[in-house]
Protein backbone atom coordinates (compact mmCIF):
# COMPACT_ATOMS: atom_id res chain seq x y z
CA MET A 1 -10.71 -2.96 9.15
CA LYS A 2 -10.63 -2.80 5.30
CA ALA A 3 -7.84 -2.90 4.16
CA LYS A 4 -7.07 -1.96 -0.48
CA VAL A 5 -4.15 -3.54 -1.46
CA TYR A 6 -2.35 -2.18 -4.92
CA ILE A 7 0.47 -4.04 -6.81
CA THR A 8 1.94 -3.38 -9.45
CA PRO A 9 4.86 -4.25 -12.11
CA LYS A 10 7.84 -2.45 -10.62
CA GLU A 11 9.66 0.06 -13.08
CA GLY A 12 11.45 -1.97 -15.81
CA ILE A 13 9.61 -4.90 -15.77
CA LEU A 14 8.27 -6.05 -18.45
CA ASP A 15 4.04 -4.73 -18.49
CA PRO A 16 2.83 -7.50 -21.24
CA GLN A 17 -0.80 -6.85 -20.20
CA GLY A 18 -0.06 -2.83 -20.29
CA VAL A 19 1.77 -3.04 -23.66
CA ALA A 20 -1.10 -4.80 -25.02
CA ILE A 21 -3.81 -2.17 -23.29
CA GLU A 22 -1.37 0.72 -24.78
CA ARG A 23 -1.74 -1.13 -28.30
CA ALA A 24 -5.00 -0.93 -28.24
CA LEU A 25 -5.95 2.25 -27.77
CA PRO A 26 -5.64 4.24 -30.42
CA ALA A 27 -7.07 1.92 -32.91
CA LEU A 28 -10.80 2.94 -30.37
CA GLY A 29 -10.19 6.64 -30.75
CA PHE A 30 -7.43 6.87 -27.57
CA LYS A 31 -4.67 8.73 -28.51
CA GLY A 32 -1.39 9.79 -27.21
CA VAL A 33 -2.25 7.39 -24.39
CA THR A 34 1.74 6.47 -22.75
CA GLY A 35 3.27 4.10 -19.58
CA VAL A 36 0.52 1.88 -19.37
CA ARG A 37 0.61 0.14 -16.73
CA VAL A 38 -1.33 -3.00 -15.45
CA GLY A 39 -1.30 -4.50 -12.23
CA LYS A 40 -4.36 -6.15 -9.08
CA TYR A 41 -5.97 -4.61 -5.90
CA ILE A 42 -7.04 -7.12 -2.74
CA GLU A 43 -9.34 -6.33 -0.25
CA LEU A 44 -9.43 -7.48 3.12
CA ASP A 45 -11.26 -7.89 5.48
CA LEU A 46 -9.42 -7.07 8.82
CA PRO A 47 -10.26 -8.81 12.26
CA GLY A 48 -10.02 -6.24 15.16
CA GLY A 49 -7.04 -5.08 17.39
CA GLY A 50 -3.29 -5.57 17.09
CA ASP A 51 -1.07 -3.47 15.10
CA ALA A 52 -3.27 -3.89 11.42
CA ALA A 53 -0.24 -2.21 8.93
CA ALA A 54 2.66 -4.33 9.89
CA GLU A 55 -0.18 -7.65 9.78
CA VAL A 56 -1.30 -6.44 6.15
CA ASP A 57 2.51 -5.36 5.53
CA LYS A 58 3.61 -9.58 5.75
CA MET A 59 0.67 -10.36 3.98
CA CYS A 60 1.90 -8.00 1.11
CA LYS A 61 5.99 -9.05 1.36
CA LYS A 62 5.22 -13.03 1.80
CA LEU A 63 2.28 -14.11 -0.53
CA LEU A 64 0.29 -11.15 -2.47
CA ALA A 65 2.87 -9.61 -4.27
CA ASN A 66 6.57 -9.99 -5.15
CA PRO A 67 8.26 -8.05 -4.52
CA ILE A 68 11.69 -8.71 -6.40
CA ILE A 69 8.75 -7.61 -9.51
CA GLU A 70 6.55 -6.08 -7.60
CA ASP A 71 5.90 -3.28 -5.93
CA PHE A 72 2.76 -3.08 -3.51
CA GLN A 73 0.72 0.23 -1.59
CA PHE A 74 -1.65 -0.04 0.45
CA GLU A 75 -4.27 1.74 2.21
CA LEU A 76 -6.43 0.83 5.64
CA VAL A 77 -10.33 1.43 5.66
CA PRO A 78 -12.07 1.78 9.22
CA GLU A 79 -15.38 0.18 8.56
């Protein structure tokens, strides 16, 4: 099984990479783009058996995401 984890800054948390991208887009001809947020994407290959969703949730809370400033979501994909 594969887990796909998406981590983004929480609403209200400064996202300097998102701000830099949002400011650069008009110079490249992309007008009107707002609300740019930059995050992380992580793929994990998981062993079979057990409660994969609970395990991935624990991984995110303990290591992959900083729960104080980041939100996460994930999906499990059978291989």
